[in-house]
């Protein structure tokens, strides 16, 4: 539990510009998928299982393995993430970015997307 708190604080600290009063809320993938309208246009911090080729963050590795795309959201990777593709792909990854509606072509099962990613980190090394 202590590790979780430290990692969350680090993730939020990297994403919160100096002088900003409100850090982004940490949101579970379940909350985000179930209530996308609540987070529309807001800065959020979330953890999910990243599949690089489809630009999707899944609720879990098992959801990815069974292609349960309704349990995922799209992400728009930033340039820094591209430099670490091999480290991030098929890992649990924490991201902080702006949640919004999917763009056309992202798939009919997509609940939403996280764009303008401000920070990210590898949540777990095992997958």
C-alpha atoms as a PDB file:
ATOM      1  CA  UNK A   1       0.000   0.000   0.000  1.00  0.00           C
ATOM      2  CA  UNK A   2       2.856   2.393   0.771  1.00  0.00           C
ATOM      3  CA  UNK A   3       4.356   1.752  -2.666  1.00  0.00           C
ATOM      4  CA  UNK A   4       1.032   2.611  -4.270  1.00  0.00           C
ATOM      5  CA  UNK A   5       0.853   5.932  -2.456  1.00  0.00           C
ATOM      6  CA  UNK A   6       4.434   6.853  -3.377  1.00  0.00           C
ATOM      7  CA  UNK A   7       3.897   5.976  -7.044  1.00  0.00           C
ATOM      8  CA  UNK A   8       0.633   7.925  -7.207  1.00  0.00           C
ATOM      9  CA  UNK A   9       2.240  10.978  -5.654  1.00  0.00           C
ATOM     10  CA  UNK A  10       5.148  10.773  -8.102  1.00  0.00           C
ATOM     11  CA  UNK A  11       2.821  10.442 -11.071  1.00  0.00           C
ATOM     12  CA  UNK A  12       0.730  13.402  -9.984  1.00  0.00           C
ATOM     13  CA  UNK A  13       3.779  15.516  -9.128  1.00  0.00           C
ATOM     14  CA  UNK A  14       5.205  15.120 -12.636  1.00  0.00           C
ATOM     15  CA  UNK A  15       1.870  16.064 -14.159  1.00  0.00           C
ATOM     16  CA  UNK A  16       1.061  19.074 -12.016  1.00  0.00           C
ATOM     17  CA  UNK A  17       2.709  22.318 -13.109  1.00  0.00           C
ATOM     18  CA  UNK A  18       4.213  24.413 -10.322  1.00  0.00           C
ATOM     19  CA  UNK A  19       1.640  26.734  -8.810  1.00  0.00           C
ATOM     20  CA  UNK A  20      -1.323  24.598  -9.849  1.00  0.00           C
ATOM     21  CA  UNK A  21      -3.770  24.267  -6.992  1.00  0.00           C
ATOM     22  CA  UNK A  22      -5.530  21.043  -7.936  1.00  0.00           C
ATOM     23  CA  UNK A  23      -3.610  17.916  -8.929  1.00  0.00           C
ATOM     24  CA  UNK A  24      -5.448  15.557 -11.287  1.00  0.00           C
ATOM     25  CA  UNK A  25      -7.654  13.009  -9.567  1.00  0.00           C
ATOM     26  CA  UNK A  26      -6.502   9.390  -9.637  1.00  0.00           C
ATOM     27  CA  UNK A  27      -9.332   7.491 -11.298  1.00  0.00           C
ATOM     28  CA  UNK A  28      -9.786   3.771 -11.726  1.00  0.00           C
ATOM     29  CA  UNK A  29     -10.345   2.464 -15.235  1.00  0.00           C
ATOM     30  CA  UNK A  30     -13.732   1.215 -14.034  1.00  0.00           C
ATOM     31  CA  UNK A  31     -14.808   4.728 -13.010  1.00  0.00           C
ATOM     32  CA  UNK A  32     -13.594   6.176 -16.308  1.00  0.00           C
ATOM     33  CA  UNK A  33     -15.325   3.566 -18.476  1.00  0.00           C
ATOM     34  CA  UNK A  34     -18.567   3.684 -16.477  1.00  0.00           C
ATOM     35  CA  UNK A  35     -18.816   7.499 -16.296  1.00  0.00           C
ATOM     36  CA  UNK A  36     -16.963   9.031 -19.253  1.00  0.00           C
ATOM     37  CA  UNK A  37     -19.152  12.150 -19.294  1.00  0.00           C
ATOM     38  CA  UNK A  38     -18.061  12.986 -15.729  1.00  0.00           C
ATOM     39  CA  UNK A  39     -14.414  13.298 -16.815  1.00  0.00           C
ATOM     40  CA  UNK A  40     -14.885  14.864 -20.261  1.00  0.00           C
ATOM     41  CA  UNK A  41     -12.202  17.510 -20.844  1.00  0.00           C
ATOM     42  CA  UNK A  42     -10.580  16.978 -17.442  1.00  0.00           C
ATOM     43  CA  UNK A  43      -7.046  16.110 -16.443  1.00  0.00           C
ATOM     44  CA  UNK A  44      -7.012  12.576 -15.022  1.00  0.00           C
ATOM     45  CA  UNK A  45      -4.483  10.048 -13.716  1.00  0.00           C
ATOM     46  CA  UNK A  46      -5.238   6.402 -14.505  1.00  0.00           C
ATOM     47  CA  UNK A  47      -3.467   3.026 -14.619  1.00  0.00           C
ATOM     48  CA  UNK A  48      -4.136   0.331 -17.199  1.00  0.00           C
ATOM     49  CA  UNK A  49      -2.538  -2.379 -19.328  1.00  0.00           C
ATOM     50  CA  UNK A  50      -1.035  -0.793 -22.449  1.00  0.00           C
ATOM     51  CA  UNK A  51      -1.199  -2.408 -25.875  1.00  0.00           C
ATOM     52  CA  UNK A  52       1.014  -0.269 -28.071  1.00  0.00           C
ATOM     53  CA  UNK A  53      -0.128  -1.305 -31.549  1.00  0.00           C
ATOM     54  CA  UNK A  54      -3.783  -0.494 -30.921  1.00  0.00           C
ATOM     55  CA  UNK A  55      -3.135   2.566 -28.723  1.00  0.00           C
ATOM     56  CA  UNK A  56      -5.343   1.119 -26.012  1.00  0.00           C
ATOM     57  CA  UNK A  57      -5.158   1.108 -22.255  1.00  0.00           C
ATOM     58  CA  UNK A  58      -7.069  -1.943 -20.966  1.00  0.00           C
ATOM     59  CA  UNK A  59      -8.589  -2.488 -17.560  1.00  0.00           C
ATOM     60  CA  UNK A  60      -6.393  -5.584 -17.166  1.00  0.00           C
ATOM     61  CA  UNK A  61      -3.962  -7.859 -18.973  1.00  0.00           C
ATOM     62  CA  UNK A  62      -6.686 -10.493 -19.108  1.00  0.00           C
ATOM     63  CA  UNK A  63      -9.070  -8.058 -20.814  1.00  0.00           C
ATOM     64  CA  UNK A  64      -6.377  -7.420 -23.433  1.00  0.00           C
ATOM     65  CA  UNK A  65      -5.736 -11.144 -23.942  1.00  0.00           C
ATOM     66  CA  UNK A  66      -9.450 -11.731 -24.529  1.00  0.00           C
ATOM     67  CA  UNK A  67      -9.775  -8.565 -26.648  1.00  0.00           C
ATOM     68  CA  UNK A  68     -12.464  -7.042 -24.447  1.00  0.00           C
ATOM     69  CA  UNK A  69     -12.127  -3.650 -26.096  1.00  0.00           C
ATOM     70  CA  UNK A  70     -15.170  -2.333 -24.264  1.00  0.00           C
ATOM     71  CA  UNK A  71     -12.939  -2.533 -21.167  1.00  0.00           C
ATOM     72  CA  UNK A  72     -10.381  -0.166 -22.654  1.00  0.00           C
ATOM     73  CA  UNK A  73      -9.817   3.438 -23.600  1.00  0.00           C
ATOM     74  CA  UNK A  74      -7.728   4.885 -26.396  1.00  0.00           C
ATOM     75  CA  UNK A  75      -4.595   6.865 -25.734  1.00  0.00           C
ATOM     76  CA  UNK A  76      -2.711   9.324 -27.885  1.00  0.00           C
ATOM     77  CA  UNK A  77       0.901   8.650 -27.043  1.00  0.00           C
ATOM     78  CA  UNK A  78       3.293  11.558 -26.727  1.00  0.00           C
ATOM     79  CA  UNK A  79       6.761  11.754 -28.279  1.00  0.00           C
ATOM     80  CA  UNK A  80       8.535  10.713 -25.089  1.00  0.00           C
ATOM     81  CA  UNK A  81       6.451   7.554 -24.885  1.00  0.00           C
ATOM     82  CA  UNK A  82       7.554   6.665 -28.415  1.00  0.00           C
ATOM     83  CA  UNK A  83      11.153   6.569 -27.233  1.00  0.00           C
ATOM     84  CA  UNK A  84      10.226   3.929 -24.654  1.00  0.00           C
ATOM     85  CA  UNK A  85       7.911   1.748 -26.713  1.00  0.00           C
ATOM     86  CA  UNK A  86       9.615  -1.525 -25.782  1.00  0.00           C
ATOM     87  CA  UNK A  87       9.503  -0.696 -22.070  1.00  0.00           C
ATOM     88  CA  UNK A  88       5.837   0.339 -22.096  1.00  0.00           C
ATOM     89  CA  UNK A  89       4.194  -2.166 -24.424  1.00  0.00           C
ATOM     90  CA  UNK A  90       2.261  -4.926 -22.657  1.00  0.00           C
ATOM     91  CA  UNK A  91       2.868  -3.428 -19.225  1.00  0.00           C
ATOM     92  CA  UNK A  92       0.663  -1.751 -16.670  1.00  0.00           C
ATOM     93  CA  UNK A  93       1.256   1.952 -17.207  1.00  0.00           C
ATOM     94  CA  UNK A  94       0.105   5.020 -15.316  1.00  0.00           C
ATOM     95  CA  UNK A  95      -0.725   8.050 -17.469  1.00  0.00           C
ATOM     96  CA  UNK A  96      -1.831  11.590 -16.748  1.00  0.00           C
ATOM     97  CA  UNK A  97      -3.641  13.415 -19.525  1.00  0.00           C
ATOM     98  CA  UNK A  98      -6.854  15.007 -20.729  1.00  0.00           C
ATOM     99  CA  UNK A  99      -9.812  12.665 -21.080  1.00  0.00           C
ATOM    100  CA  UNK A 100     -12.184  13.229 -23.963  1.00  0.00           C
ATOM    101  CA  UNK A 101     -14.336  11.693 -26.627  1.00  0.00           C
ATOM    102  CA  UNK A 102     -12.806   9.439 -29.245  1.00  0.00           C
ATOM    103  CA  UNK A 103     -11.943  10.769 -32.635  1.00  0.00           C
ATOM    104  CA  UNK A 104     -13.536   9.192 -35.701  1.00  0.00           C
ATOM    105  CA  UNK A 105     -11.823   5.933 -36.612  1.00  0.00           C
ATOM    106  CA  UNK A 106     -10.908   4.972 -33.053  1.00  0.00           C
ATOM    107  CA  UNK A 107     -13.502   2.215 -32.991  1.00  0.00           C
ATOM    108  CA  UNK A 108     -17.087   1.914 -31.892  1.00  0.00           C
ATOM    109  CA  UNK A 109     -16.208   0.220 -28.591  1.00  0.00           C
ATOM    110  CA  UNK A 110     -14.080   3.084 -27.341  1.00  0.00           C
ATOM    111  CA  UNK A 111     -15.453   4.856 -24.305  1.00  0.00           C
ATOM    112  CA  UNK A 112     -13.015   7.703 -24.718  1.00  0.00           C
ATOM    113  CA  UNK A 113      -9.397   8.626 -25.029  1.00  0.00           C
ATOM    114  CA  UNK A 114      -6.626  10.201 -23.056  1.00  0.00           C
ATOM    115  CA  UNK A 115      -4.778  12.837 -25.059  1.00  0.00           C
ATOM    116  CA  UNK A 116      -2.117  15.437 -24.331  1.00  0.00           C
ATOM    117  CA  UNK A 117      -0.382  13.040 -21.980  1.00  0.00           C
ATOM    118  CA  UNK A 118       1.666  15.043 -19.485  1.00  0.00           C
ATOM    119  CA  UNK A 119       3.373  12.173 -17.725  1.00  0.00           C
ATOM    120  CA  UNK A 120       3.523   8.412 -17.634  1.00  0.00           C
ATOM    121  CA  UNK A 121       5.330   5.683 -15.759  1.00  0.00           C
ATOM    122  CA  UNK A 122       5.627   1.932 -15.805  1.00  0.00           C
ATOM    123  CA  UNK A 123       3.386   0.679 -13.026  1.00  0.00           C
ATOM    124  CA  UNK A 124       4.679  -2.902 -13.039  1.00  0.00           C
ATOM    125  CA  UNK A 125       7.499  -4.583 -14.872  1.00  0.00           C
ATOM    126  CA  UNK A 126       5.875  -8.000 -15.028  1.00  0.00           C
ATOM    127  CA  UNK A 127       3.347  -8.892 -17.681  1.00  0.00           C
END
